[in-house]
PDB file of N, CA and C in Angstrom:
ATOM      1  N   MET A   1       0.936  -1.373  -0.100  1.00  0.00           N
ATOM      2  CA  MET A   1       0.208  -0.109   0.029  1.00  0.00           C
ATOM      3  C   MET A   1       0.849   1.287  -0.008  1.00  0.00           C
ATOM      4  N   ALA A   2       1.939   1.068   0.695  1.00  0.00           N
ATOM      5  CA  ALA A   2       2.879   2.441   0.790  1.00  0.00           C
ATOM      6  C   ALA A   2       3.504   2.583  -0.655  1.00  0.00           C
ATOM      7  N   LEU A   3       3.978   1.680  -1.402  1.00  0.00           N
ATOM      8  CA  LEU A   3       4.365   1.751  -2.544  1.00  0.00           C
ATOM      9  C   LEU A   3       3.281   2.425  -3.744  1.00  0.00           C
ATOM     10  N   THR A   4       2.263   1.887  -3.548  1.00  0.00           N
ATOM     11  CA  THR A   4       1.127   2.192  -4.393  1.00  0.00           C
ATOM     12  C   THR A   4       0.689   3.582  -4.113  1.00  0.00           C
ATOM     13  N   SER A   5       0.951   3.980  -2.890  1.00  0.00           N
ATOM     14  CA  SER A   5       0.624   5.454  -2.239  1.00  0.00           C
ATOM     15  C   SER A   5       1.605   6.405  -2.940  1.00  0.00           C
ATOM     16  N   PHE A   6       2.831   5.958  -3.012  1.00  0.00           N
ATOM     17  CA  PHE A   6       3.842   6.928  -3.384  1.00  0.00           C
ATOM     18  C   PHE A   6       3.945   7.075  -5.018  1.00  0.00           C
ATOM     19  N   ILE A   7       3.459   5.853  -5.698  1.00  0.00           N
ATOM     20  CA  ILE A   7       3.305   5.884  -7.195  1.00  0.00           C
ATOM     21  C   ILE A   7       2.187   6.704  -7.485  1.00  0.00           C
ATOM     22  N   PHE A   8       1.244   6.584  -7.038  1.00  0.00           N
ATOM     23  CA  PHE A   8      -0.257   7.327  -7.383  1.00  0.00           C
ATOM     24  C   PHE A   8       0.416   9.000  -7.038  1.00  0.00           C
ATOM     25  N   LEU A   9       0.926   9.358  -5.706  1.00  0.00           N
ATOM     26  CA  LEU A   9       1.499  10.578  -5.581  1.00  0.00           C
ATOM     27  C   LEU A   9       2.162  10.955  -6.416  1.00  0.00           C
ATOM     28  N   ALA A  10       3.099  10.486  -7.102  1.00  0.00           N
ATOM     29  CA  ALA A  10       4.148  10.856  -8.158  1.00  0.00           C
ATOM     30  C   ALA A  10       3.211  11.474  -9.322  1.00  0.00           C
ATOM     31  N   GLY A  11       2.271  10.552  -9.719  1.00  0.00           N
ATOM     32  CA  GLY A  11       1.394  10.985 -10.780  1.00  0.00           C
ATOM     33  C   GLY A  11       0.582  12.287 -10.473  1.00  0.00           C
ATOM     34  N   VAL A  12      -0.157  12.504  -9.255  1.00  0.00           N
ATOM     35  CA  VAL A  12      -0.560  13.589  -8.793  1.00  0.00           C
ATOM     36  C   VAL A  12       0.267  14.862  -8.905  1.00  0.00           C
ATOM     37  N   LEU A  13       1.392  14.792  -8.550  1.00  0.00           N
ATOM     38  CA  LEU A  13       2.434  15.720  -8.764  1.00  0.00           C
ATOM     39  C   LEU A  13       2.884  16.328 -10.045  1.00  0.00           C
ATOM     40  N   LEU A  14       2.573  15.172 -11.093  1.00  0.00           N
ATOM     41  CA  LEU A  14       2.921  15.471 -12.401  1.00  0.00           C
ATOM     42  C   LEU A  14       1.558  16.576 -13.084  1.00  0.00           C
ATOM     43  N   ILE A  15       0.448  16.451 -12.439  1.00  0.00           N
ATOM     44  CA  ILE A  15      -0.581  17.190 -13.170  1.00  0.00           C
ATOM     45  C   ILE A  15      -0.607  18.532 -13.206  1.00  0.00           C
ATOM     46  N   PRO A  16       0.343  19.416 -12.532  1.00  0.00           N
ATOM     47  CA  PRO A  16       0.818  20.914 -12.837  1.00  0.00           C
ATOM     48  C   PRO A  16       1.377  20.844 -14.172  1.00  0.00           C
ATOM     49  N   GLN A  17       2.479  20.144 -14.164  1.00  0.00           N
ATOM     50  CA  GLN A  17       3.177  19.998 -15.341  1.00  0.00           C
ATOM     51  C   GLN A  17       2.366  19.735 -16.629  1.00  0.00           C
ATOM     52  N   LEU A  18       1.637  18.679 -16.370  1.00  0.00           N
ATOM     53  CA  LEU A  18       0.643  18.477 -17.664  1.00  0.00           C
ATOM     54  C   LEU A  18      -0.398  19.626 -18.195  1.00  0.00           C
ATOM     55  N   LEU A  19      -0.805  20.235 -16.921  1.00  0.00           N
ATOM     56  CA  LEU A  19      -1.626  21.324 -17.360  1.00  0.00           C
ATOM     57  C   LEU A  19      -0.801  22.666 -18.081  1.00  0.00           C
ATOM     58  N   ASP A  20       0.417  22.752 -17.595  1.00  0.00           N
ATOM     59  CA  ASP A  20       1.307  23.742 -18.080  1.00  0.00           C
ATOM     60  C   ASP A  20       1.564  23.396 -19.760  1.00  0.00           C
ATOM     61  N   THR A  21       1.778  22.123 -19.893  1.00  0.00           N
ATOM     62  CA  THR A  21       2.010  21.628 -21.298  1.00  0.00           C
ATOM     63  C   THR A  21       0.848  21.603 -22.111  1.00  0.00           C
ATOM     64  N   MET A  22      -0.548  21.589 -21.381  1.00  0.00           N
ATOM     65  CA  MET A  22      -1.808  21.557 -22.113  1.00  0.00           C
ATOM     66  C   MET A  22      -2.114  22.979 -22.529  1.00  0.00           C
ATOM     67  N   ASN A  23      -2.090  23.834 -21.608  1.00  0.00           N
ATOM     68  CA  ASN A  23      -2.389  25.162 -21.782  1.00  0.00           C
ATOM     69  C   ASN A  23      -1.634  26.303 -21.878  1.00  0.00           C
ATOM     70  N   ARG A  24      -0.269  26.067 -21.606  1.00  0.00           N
ATOM     71  CA  ARG A  24       0.502  27.275 -21.521  1.00  0.00           C
ATOM     72  C   ARG A  24       1.559  27.072 -22.488  1.00  0.00           C
ATOM     73  N   GLY A  25       1.717  25.894 -23.240  1.00  0.00           N
ATOM     74  CA  GLY A  25       2.687  25.678 -24.366  1.00  0.00           C
ATOM     75  C   GLY A  25       3.953  25.230 -23.782  1.00  0.00           C
ATOM     76  N   ALA A  26       4.079  24.672 -22.627  1.00  0.00           N
ATOM     77  CA  ALA A  26       5.287  24.294 -22.134  1.00  0.00           C
ATOM     78  C   ALA A  26       5.595  23.006 -22.789  1.00  0.00           C
ATOM     79  N   VAL A  27       7.115  22.713 -22.739  1.00  0.00           N
ATOM     80  CA  VAL A  27       7.543  21.477 -23.385  1.00  0.00           C
ATOM     81  C   VAL A  27       8.614  20.614 -22.433  1.00  0.00           C
ATOM     82  N   VAL A  28       8.495  19.476 -22.438  1.00  0.00           N
ATOM     83  CA  VAL A  28       9.270  18.581 -21.659  1.00  0.00           C
ATOM     84  C   VAL A  28      10.010  17.778 -22.943  1.00  0.00           C
ATOM     85  N   ASN A  29      11.147  17.237 -22.660  1.00  0.00           N
ATOM     86  CA  ASN A  29      11.703  16.469 -23.702  1.00  0.00           C
ATOM     87  C   ASN A  29      10.760  15.198 -24.121  1.00  0.00           C
ATOM     88  N   PHE A  30      10.655  15.225 -25.354  1.00  0.00           N
ATOM     89  CA  PHE A  30       9.840  14.137 -25.920  1.00  0.00           C
ATOM     90  C   PHE A  30      10.242  12.709 -25.577  1.00  0.00           C
ATOM     91  N   PHE A  31      11.458  12.454 -26.066  1.00  0.00           N
ATOM     92  CA  PHE A  31      12.092  11.277 -25.759  1.00  0.00           C
ATOM     93  C   PHE A  31      12.141  10.630 -24.374  1.00  0.00           C
ATOM     94  N   SER A  32      12.315  11.658 -23.596  1.00  0.00           N
ATOM     95  CA  SER A  32      12.438  11.166 -22.203  1.00  0.00           C
ATOM     96  C   SER A  32      11.102  10.818 -21.660  1.00  0.00           C
ATOM     97  N   ALA A  33       9.932  11.897 -21.979  1.00  0.00           N
ATOM     98  CA  ALA A  33       8.597  11.573 -21.609  1.00  0.00           C
ATOM     99  C   ALA A  33       8.251  10.446 -22.225  1.00  0.00           C
ATOM    100  N   SER A  34       8.318   9.870 -23.467  1.00  0.00           N
ATOM    101  CA  SER A  34       7.670   8.719 -23.907  1.00  0.00           C
ATOM    102  C   SER A  34       8.550   7.503 -23.346  1.00  0.00           C
ATOM    103  N   LEU A  35       9.736   7.545 -23.474  1.00  0.00           N
ATOM    104  CA  LEU A  35      10.463   6.112 -22.822  1.00  0.00           C
ATOM    105  C   LEU A  35      10.272   6.345 -21.515  1.00  0.00           C
ATOM    106  N   THR A  36      10.018   7.281 -20.683  1.00  0.00           N
ATOM    107  CA  THR A  36       9.516   6.846 -19.236  1.00  0.00           C
ATOM    108  C   THR A  36       8.025   6.531 -19.176  1.00  0.00           C
ATOM    109  N   SER A  37       7.208   6.845 -20.264  1.00  0.00           N
ATOM    110  CA  SER A  37       6.019   6.354 -20.200  1.00  0.00           C
ATOM    111  C   SER A  37       6.101   4.698 -20.478  1.00  0.00           C
ATOM    112  N   VAL A  38       7.012   4.316 -21.568  1.00  0.00           N
ATOM    113  CA  VAL A  38       6.771   2.976 -21.818  1.00  0.00           C
ATOM    114  C   VAL A  38       7.463   2.121 -20.748  1.00  0.00           C
ATOM    115  N   LEU A  39       8.581   2.791 -20.212  1.00  0.00           N
ATOM    116  CA  LEU A  39       9.153   1.813 -18.874  1.00  0.00           C
ATOM    117  C   LEU A  39       8.010   1.911 -17.791  1.00  0.00           C
ATOM    118  N   LEU A  40       7.167   2.780 -17.551  1.00  0.00           N
ATOM    119  CA  LEU A  40       6.104   2.636 -16.368  1.00  0.00           C
ATOM    120  C   LEU A  40       5.088   1.715 -16.985  1.00  0.00           C
ATOM    121  N   PHE A  41       4.824   1.593 -18.108  1.00  0.00           N
ATOM    122  CA  PHE A  41       3.912   0.409 -18.460  1.00  0.00           C
ATOM    123  C   PHE A  41       4.491  -0.996 -18.309  1.00  0.00           C
ATOM    124  N   CYS A  42       5.662  -0.952 -18.552  1.00  0.00           N
ATOM    125  CA  CYS A  42       6.559  -2.199 -18.261  1.00  0.00           C
ATOM    126  C   CYS A  42       6.348  -2.754 -16.764  1.00  0.00           C
ATOM    127  N   ILE A  43       6.569  -1.754 -15.920  1.00  0.00           N
ATOM    128  CA  ILE A  43       6.541  -1.930 -14.534  1.00  0.00           C
ATOM    129  C   ILE A  43       5.229  -2.408 -14.156  1.00  0.00           C
ATOM    130  N   SER A  44       4.183  -1.696 -14.717  1.00  0.00           N
ATOM    131  CA  SER A  44       2.628  -2.031 -14.656  1.00  0.00           C
ATOM    132  C   SER A  44       2.590  -3.348 -15.079  1.00  0.00           C
ATOM    133  N   GLY A  45       2.911  -3.942 -15.967  1.00  0.00           N
ATOM    134  CA  GLY A  45       2.913  -5.310 -16.228  1.00  0.00           C
ATOM    135  C   GLY A  45       3.564  -6.213 -15.367  1.00  0.00           C
ATOM    136  N   ILE A  46       4.498  -5.828 -14.776  1.00  0.00           N
ATOM    137  CA  ILE A  46       5.329  -6.524 -13.677  1.00  0.00           C
ATOM    138  C   ILE A  46       4.131  -6.709 -12.522  1.00  0.00           C
ATOM    139  N   PHE A  47       3.552  -5.596 -12.153  1.00  0.00           N
ATOM    140  CA  PHE A  47       2.941  -5.570 -10.980  1.00  0.00           C
ATOM    141  C   PHE A  47       1.700  -6.369 -11.444  1.00  0.00           C
ATOM    142  N   ALA A  48       1.090  -6.635 -12.517  1.00  0.00           N
ATOM    143  CA  ALA A  48       0.076  -7.437 -12.984  1.00  0.00           C
ATOM    144  C   ALA A  48       0.395  -8.680 -12.879  1.00  0.00           C
ATOM    145  N   SER A  49       1.495  -9.139 -13.258  1.00  0.00           N
ATOM    146  CA  SER A  49       2.031 -10.661 -12.863  1.00  0.00           C
ATOM    147  C   SER A  49       2.188 -10.770 -11.555  1.00  0.00           C
ATOM    148  N   LEU A  50       2.371 -10.152 -10.735  1.00  0.00           N
ATOM    149  CA  LEU A  50       2.388 -10.367  -9.425  1.00  0.00           C
ATOM    150  C   LEU A  50       0.799 -10.432  -8.637  1.00  0.00           C
ATOM    151  N   GLY A  51      -0.093  -9.872  -9.470  1.00  0.00           N
ATOM    152  CA  GLY A  51      -1.256  -9.750  -8.937  1.00  0.00           C
ATOM    153  C   GLY A  51      -1.576  -8.378  -8.005  1.00  0.00           C
ATOM    154  N   LEU A  52      -0.678  -7.389  -8.204  1.00  0.00           N
ATOM    155  CA  LEU A  52      -0.934  -6.249  -7.417  1.00  0.00           C
ATOM    156  C   LEU A  52      -1.626  -5.165  -8.181  1.00  0.00           C
ATOM    157  N   TRP A  53      -3.171  -5.438  -8.310  1.00  0.00           N
ATOM    158  CA  TRP A  53      -3.921  -4.856  -9.353  1.00  0.00           C
ATOM    159  C   TRP A  53      -4.074  -3.242  -8.943  1.00  0.00           C
ATOM    160  N   ILE A  54      -3.970  -2.667  -7.576  1.00  0.00           N
ATOM    161  CA  ILE A  54      -3.879  -1.550  -7.300  1.00  0.00           C
ATOM    162  C   ILE A  54      -2.662  -0.707  -7.611  1.00  0.00           C
ATOM    163  N   SER A  55      -1.661  -1.344  -7.611  1.00  0.00           N
ATOM    164  CA  SER A  55      -0.354  -0.679  -8.194  1.00  0.00           C
ATOM    165  C   SER A  55      -0.388  -0.889  -9.552  1.00  0.00           C
ATOM    166  N   VAL A  56      -1.078  -1.840 -10.316  1.00  0.00           N
ATOM    167  CA  VAL A  56      -1.109  -1.599 -11.778  1.00  0.00           C
ATOM    168  C   VAL A  56      -1.894  -0.508 -12.204  1.00  0.00           C
ATOM    169  N   VAL A  57      -3.102  -0.074 -11.442  1.00  0.00           N
ATOM    170  CA  VAL A  57      -3.783   1.005 -11.554  1.00  0.00           C
ATOM    171  C   VAL A  57      -2.985   2.369 -11.358  1.00  0.00           C
ATOM    172  N   ALA A  58      -2.302   2.412 -10.408  1.00  0.00           N
ATOM    173  CA  ALA A  58      -1.560   3.676  -9.891  1.00  0.00           C
ATOM    174  C   ALA A  58      -0.281   3.859 -11.025  1.00  0.00           C
ATOM    175  N   GLN A  59       0.246   2.818 -11.395  1.00  0.00           N
ATOM    176  CA  GLN A  59       1.366   2.715 -12.243  1.00  0.00           C
ATOM    177  C   GLN A  59       0.800   3.256 -13.747  1.00  0.00           C
ATOM    178  N   SER A  60      -0.395   2.724 -14.151  1.00  0.00           N
ATOM    179  CA  SER A  60      -0.828   2.983 -15.301  1.00  0.00           C
ATOM    180  C   SER A  60      -1.146   4.404 -15.399  1.00  0.00           C
ATOM    181  N   PHE A  61      -1.722   5.105 -14.380  1.00  0.00           N
ATOM    182  CA  PHE A  61      -2.013   6.332 -14.154  1.00  0.00           C
ATOM    183  C   PHE A  61      -0.744   7.270 -14.550  1.00  0.00           C
ATOM    184  N   VAL A  62       0.306   6.832 -13.724  1.00  0.00           N
ATOM    185  CA  VAL A  62       1.410   7.826 -13.965  1.00  0.00           C
ATOM    186  C   VAL A  62       2.054   7.581 -15.205  1.00  0.00           C
ATOM    187  N   GLY A  63       1.973   6.492 -16.010  1.00  0.00           N
ATOM    188  CA  GLY A  63       2.417   6.220 -17.288  1.00  0.00           C
ATOM    189  C   GLY A  63       1.500   6.902 -18.496  1.00  0.00           C
ATOM    190  N   VAL A  64       0.259   7.105 -18.256  1.00  0.00           N
ATOM    191  CA  VAL A  64      -0.738   7.705 -18.983  1.00  0.00           C
ATOM    192  C   VAL A  64      -0.247   9.254 -18.919  1.00  0.00           C
ATOM    193  N   ILE A  65       0.021   9.828 -17.774  1.00  0.00           N
ATOM    194  CA  ILE A  65       0.469  11.250 -17.762  1.00  0.00           C
ATOM    195  C   ILE A  65       1.550  11.586 -18.387  1.00  0.00           C
ATOM    196  N   TRP A  66       2.657  10.702 -18.395  1.00  0.00           N
ATOM    197  CA  TRP A  66       3.790  10.802 -18.984  1.00  0.00           C
ATOM    198  C   TRP A  66       3.585  10.837 -20.563  1.00  0.00           C
ATOM    199  N   LEU A  67       2.813   9.846 -20.984  1.00  0.00           N
ATOM    200  CA  LEU A  67       2.249   9.685 -22.388  1.00  0.00           C
ATOM    201  C   LEU A  67       1.827  11.130 -22.751  1.00  0.00           C
ATOM    202  N   PHE A  68       0.756  11.769 -22.005  1.00  0.00           N
ATOM    203  CA  PHE A  68       0.309  12.875 -22.404  1.00  0.00           C
ATOM    204  C   PHE A  68       1.205  14.056 -22.429  1.00  0.00           C
ATOM    205  N   LEU A  69       2.222  14.042 -21.457  1.00  0.00           N
ATOM    206  CA  LEU A  69       3.210  14.817 -21.512  1.00  0.00           C
ATOM    207  C   LEU A  69       4.037  15.033 -22.872  1.00  0.00           C
ATOM    208  N   ALA A  70       4.426  13.685 -23.219  1.00  0.00           N
ATOM    209  CA  ALA A  70       5.017  13.456 -24.698  1.00  0.00           C
ATOM    210  C   ALA A  70       4.273  14.020 -25.591  1.00  0.00           C
ATOM    211  N   TYR A  71       2.977  13.580 -25.778  1.00  0.00           N
ATOM    212  CA  TYR A  71       2.098  14.023 -26.659  1.00  0.00           C
ATOM    213  C   TYR A  71       1.927  15.518 -27.031  1.00  0.00           C
ATOM    214  N   PHE A  72       1.588  16.145 -25.755  1.00  0.00           N
ATOM    215  CA  PHE A  72       1.217  17.647 -25.891  1.00  0.00           C
ATOM    216  C   PHE A  72       2.563  18.425 -26.084  1.00  0.00           C
ATOM    217  N   SER A  73       3.677  18.009 -25.369  1.00  0.00           N
ATOM    218  CA  SER A  73       5.042  18.731 -25.974  1.00  0.00           C
ATOM    219  C   SER A  73       5.309  18.473 -27.350  1.00  0.00           C
ATOM    220  N   LEU A  74       5.389  17.424 -27.921  1.00  0.00           N
ATOM    221  CA  LEU A  74       5.505  17.211 -29.516  1.00  0.00           C
ATOM    222  C   LEU A  74       4.426  18.069 -30.177  1.00  0.00           C
ATOM    223  N   LYS A  75       3.254  18.347 -29.555  1.00  0.00           N
ATOM    224  CA  LYS A  75       2.308  19.098 -30.197  1.00  0.00           C
ATOM    225  C   LYS A  75       2.625  20.722 -30.183  1.00  0.00           C
ATOM    226  N   ASN A  76       3.148  21.097 -29.066  1.00  0.00           N
ATOM    227  CA  ASN A  76       3.585  22.502 -28.779  1.00  0.00           C
ATOM    228  C   ASN A  76       4.640  23.109 -29.771  1.00  0.00           C
ATOM    229  N   VAL A  77       5.591  21.855 -29.647  1.00  0.00           N
ATOM    230  CA  VAL A  77       6.795  22.150 -30.775  1.00  0.00           C
ATOM    231  C   VAL A  77       6.405  22.283 -32.103  1.00  0.00           C
ATOM    232  N   ARG A  78       5.583  21.515 -32.444  1.00  0.00           N
ATOM    233  CA  ARG A  78       4.915  21.379 -33.825  1.00  0.00           C
ATOM    234  C   ARG A  78       4.037  22.858 -34.108  1.00  0.00           C
ATOM    235  N   ASP A  79       3.278  23.027 -33.311  1.00  0.00           N
ATOM    236  CA  ASP A  79       2.495  24.444 -33.314  1.00  0.00           C
ATOM    237  C   ASP A  79       3.655  25.709 -33.271  1.00  0.00           C
ATOM    238  N   ALA A  80       4.746  25.684 -32.627  1.00  0.00           N
ATOM    239  CA  ALA A  80       5.535  26.788 -32.423  1.00  0.00           C
ATOM    240  C   ALA A  80       6.630  27.026 -33.569  1.00  0.00           C
ATOM    241  N   GLN A  81       6.994  25.713 -34.192  1.00  0.00           N
ATOM    242  CA  GLN A  81       8.126  25.924 -35.028  1.00  0.00           C
ATOM    243  C   GLN A  81       7.843  25.166 -36.407  1.00  0.00           C
ATOM    244  N   PHE A  82       6.813  24.308 -36.448  1.00  0.00           N
ATOM    245  CA  PHE A  82       6.622  23.716 -37.760  1.00  0.00           C
ATOM    246  C   PHE A  82       4.883  23.555 -37.870  1.00  0.00           C
ATOM    247  N   PRO A  83       4.349  24.546 -37.989  1.00  0.00           N
ATOM    248  CA  PRO A  83       2.910  24.809 -38.053  1.00  0.00           C
ATOM    249  C   PRO A  83       2.285  24.076 -39.210  1.00  0.00           C
ATOM    250  N   ASP A  84       2.891  23.798 -40.367  1.00  0.00           N
ATOM    251  CA  ASP A  84       2.378  23.223 -41.305  1.00  0.00           C
ATOM    252  C   ASP A  84       2.654  21.833 -41.554  1.00  0.00           C
ATOM    253  N   LYS A  85       3.616  21.183 -40.605  1.00  0.00           N
ATOM    254  CA  LYS A  85       3.912  19.914 -40.446  1.00  0.00           C
ATOM    255  C   LYS A  85       3.161  18.854 -39.537  1.00  0.00           C
ATOM    256  N   SER A  86       3.156  17.701 -39.870  1.00  0.00           N
ATOM    257  CA  SER A  86       2.639  16.506 -38.963  1.00  0.00           C
ATOM    258  C   SER A  86       3.463  16.282 -37.782  1.00  0.00           C
ATOM    259  N   LEU A  87       2.444  15.807 -36.799  1.00  0.00           N
ATOM    260  CA  LEU A  87       3.287  15.351 -35.554  1.00  0.00           C
ATOM    261  C   LEU A  87       4.412  14.332 -35.910  1.00  0.00           C
ATOM    262  N   PHE A  88       3.953  13.359 -36.879  1.00  0.00           N
ATOM    263  CA  PHE A  88       5.140  12.365 -37.407  1.00  0.00           C
ATOM    264  C   PHE A  88       6.380  12.920 -37.741  1.00  0.00           C
ATOM    265  N   PHE A  89       6.272  14.105 -38.468  1.00  0.00           N
ATOM    266  CA  PHE A  89       7.539  14.586 -39.248  1.00  0.00           C
ATOM    267  C   PHE A  89       8.211  15.223 -37.954  1.00  0.00           C
ATOM    268  N   VAL A  90       7.584  15.869 -36.974  1.00  0.00           N
ATOM    269  CA  VAL A  90       8.308  16.318 -35.876  1.00  0.00           C
ATOM    270  C   VAL A  90       8.975  15.533 -34.987  1.00  0.00           C
ATOM    271  N   ALA A  91       8.160  14.386 -34.819  1.00  0.00           N
ATOM    272  CA  ALA A  91       8.792  13.276 -33.931  1.00  0.00           C
ATOM    273  C   ALA A  91      10.024  12.675 -34.688  1.00  0.00           C
ATOM    274  N   ARG A  92       9.776  12.328 -36.255  1.00  0.00           N
ATOM    275  CA  ARG A  92      11.075  11.894 -36.844  1.00  0.00           C
ATOM    276  C   ARG A  92      12.279  12.812 -36.729  1.00  0.00           C
ATOM    277  N   ASP A  93      11.986  14.102 -36.804  1.00  0.00           N
ATOM    278  CA  ASP A  93      12.952  15.064 -36.769  1.00  0.00           C
ATOM    279  C   ASP A  93      13.746  15.153 -35.262  1.00  0.00           C
ATOM    280  N   PHE A  94      12.670  14.937 -34.330  1.00  0.00           N
ATOM    281  CA  PHE A  94      13.431  14.877 -32.894  1.00  0.00           C
ATOM    282  C   PHE A  94      14.366  13.504 -32.811  1.00  0.00           C
ATOM    283  N   LEU A  95      13.948  12.749 -33.588  1.00  0.00           N
ATOM    284  CA  LEU A  95      14.603  11.283 -33.437  1.00  0.00           C
ATOM    285  C   LEU A  95      15.766  11.360 -34.150  1.00  0.00           C
ATOM    286  N   GLY A  96      15.756  12.052 -35.303  1.00  0.00           N
ATOM    287  CA  GLY A  96      17.251  12.418 -36.067  1.00  0.00           C
ATOM    288  C   GLY A  96      18.077  13.347 -35.155  1.00  0.00           C
ATOM    289  N   VAL A  97      17.731  14.214 -34.523  1.00  0.00           N
ATOM    290  CA  VAL A  97      18.705  14.978 -33.686  1.00  0.00           C
ATOM    291  C   VAL A  97      18.944  13.914 -32.506  1.00  0.00           C
ATOM    292  N   TRP A  98      18.207  13.166 -32.027  1.00  0.00           N
ATOM    293  CA  TRP A  98      18.639  12.393 -30.715  1.00  0.00           C
ATOM    294  C   TRP A  98      19.587  11.559 -31.201  1.00  0.00           C
ATOM    295  N   VAL A  99      19.502  10.686 -32.444  1.00  0.00           N
ATOM    296  CA  VAL A  99      20.559  10.086 -33.025  1.00  0.00           C
ATOM    297  C   VAL A  99      21.863  10.492 -33.215  1.00  0.00           C
ATOM    298  N   LEU A 100      21.761  11.598 -33.927  1.00  0.00           N
ATOM    299  CA  LEU A 100      22.972  12.322 -34.217  1.00  0.00           C
ATOM    300  C   LEU A 100      23.676  12.738 -32.637  1.00  0.00           C
ATOM    301  N   GLY A 101      22.910  13.421 -31.706  1.00  0.00           N
ATOM    302  CA  GLY A 101      23.373  13.653 -30.269  1.00  0.00           C
ATOM    303  C   GLY A 101      24.259  12.524 -29.824  1.00  0.00           C
ATOM    304  N   SER A 102      23.438  11.656 -29.784  1.00  0.00           N
ATOM    305  CA  SER A 102      23.817  10.290 -29.194  1.00  0.00           C
ATOM    306  C   SER A 102      25.311   9.834 -29.783  1.00  0.00           C
ATOM    307  N   ALA A 103      25.311   9.947 -31.111  1.00  0.00           N
ATOM    308  CA  ALA A 103      26.540   9.315 -31.848  1.00  0.00           C
ATOM    309  C   ALA A 103      27.579  10.532 -31.496  1.00  0.00           C
ATOM    310  N   PHE A 104      27.384  11.729 -31.510  1.00  0.00           N
ATOM    311  CA  PHE A 104      28.299  12.781 -31.041  1.00  0.00           C
ATOM    312  C   PHE A 104      29.035  12.505 -29.841  1.00  0.00           C
ATOM    313  N   MET A 105      28.070  12.028 -28.614  1.00  0.00           N
ATOM    314  CA  MET A 105      28.524  11.662 -27.443  1.00  0.00           C
ATOM    315  C   MET A 105      29.156  10.404 -27.242  1.00  0.00           C
ATOM    316  N   VAL A 106      28.913   9.350 -27.919  1.00  0.00           N
ATOM    317  CA  VAL A 106      29.735   8.243 -27.996  1.00  0.00           C
ATOM    318  C   VAL A 106      31.049   8.430 -28.619  1.00  0.00           C
ATOM    319  N   SER A 107      31.103   9.263 -29.902  1.00  0.00           N
ATOM    320  CA  SER A 107      32.378   9.270 -30.527  1.00  0.00           C
ATOM    321  C   SER A 107      33.237  10.084 -29.659  1.00  0.00           C
ATOM    322  N   ASN A 108      32.748  11.217 -29.100  1.00  0.00           N
ATOM    323  CA  ASN A 108      33.559  12.024 -28.170  1.00  0.00           C
ATOM    324  C   ASN A 108      34.147  11.290 -27.051  1.00  0.00           C
ATOM    325  N   GLY A 109      33.246  10.438 -26.262  1.00  0.00           N
ATOM    326  CA  GLY A 109      33.708   9.580 -25.301  1.00  0.00           C
ATOM    327  C   GLY A 109      34.833   8.642 -25.626  1.00  0.00           C
ATOM    328  N   ALA A 110      34.519   8.018 -26.902  1.00  0.00           N
ATOM    329  CA  ALA A 110      35.675   7.029 -27.428  1.00  0.00           C
ATOM    330  C   ALA A 110      36.902   7.780 -27.616  1.00  0.00           C
ATOM    331  N   ARG A 111      36.876   8.989 -28.324  1.00  0.00           N
ATOM    332  CA  ARG A 111      37.969   9.759 -28.687  1.00  0.00           C
ATOM    333  C   ARG A 111      38.797  10.081 -27.369  1.00  0.00           C
ATOM    334  N   LYS A 112      38.157  10.542 -26.344  1.00  0.00           N
ATOM    335  CA  LYS A 112      38.790  10.534 -24.886  1.00  0.00           C
ATOM    336  C   LYS A 112      39.389   9.501 -24.505  1.00  0.00           C
ATOM    337  N   LEU A 113      38.667   8.376 -24.603  1.00  0.00           N
ATOM    338  CA  LEU A 113      39.135   7.189 -24.163  1.00  0.00           C
ATOM    339  C   LEU A 113      40.292   6.742 -24.905  1.00  0.00           C
ATOM    340  N   LEU A 114      40.422   6.844 -26.028  1.00  0.00           N
ATOM    341  CA  LEU A 114      41.643   6.491 -26.832  1.00  0.00           C
ATOM    342  C   LEU A 114      42.701   7.177 -27.097  1.00  0.00           C
ATOM    343  N   ARG A 115      42.521   8.374 -26.559  1.00  0.00           N
ATOM    344  CA  ARG A 115      43.538   9.669 -26.697  1.00  0.00           C
ATOM    345  C   ARG A 115      44.758   9.297 -25.955  1.00  0.00           C
ATOM    346  N   ARG A 116      45.949   9.462 -26.318  1.00  0.00           N
ATOM    347  CA  ARG A 116      46.997   9.203 -25.485  1.00  0.00           C
ATOM    348  C   ARG A 116      47.538  10.574 -25.180  1.00  0.00           C
ATOM    349  N   ASP A 117      47.817  10.657 -23.614  1.00  0.00           N
ATOM    350  CA  ASP A 117      48.229  11.701 -22.945  1.00  0.00           C
ATOM    351  C   ASP A 117      49.458  11.761 -22.432  1.00  0.00           C
TER     352      ASP A 117
END
C-alpha cells in the first residue's frame, strides 16, 4: 500500500506540469517523456504478473500522464516551429537529432578514451 501510495502521489504531482503543457505551451523532452511512459507501463505489467492490481492502476495512471506530456510537448513544438507539418514529421525530426546527438556523445567519449596523454 505504501508503494502504491507513493506511485499515485508521483502522478498527482505531475498534473501541474501536464496542465502547463496542455494550456501554456510548455515543453518537456519528448524522448524522456515517451520512454518514461514505456518503462512505467512495463513496470505496470510486472505488477500485474504479481497480482498487485491497485499498483497496476497507480502505475498506469502515471504512465498515461507521461504519455500525455510527450504528446502535448510534441504538439506544442509543432505548433510553434513547424505549423504546417504533421506530428509524425516533428517526432521523426526529434529522432534524427537524438540519434546524431547520441552518436556525437559516443564518438567524443571514445576519442577521449583512446587519446594518448
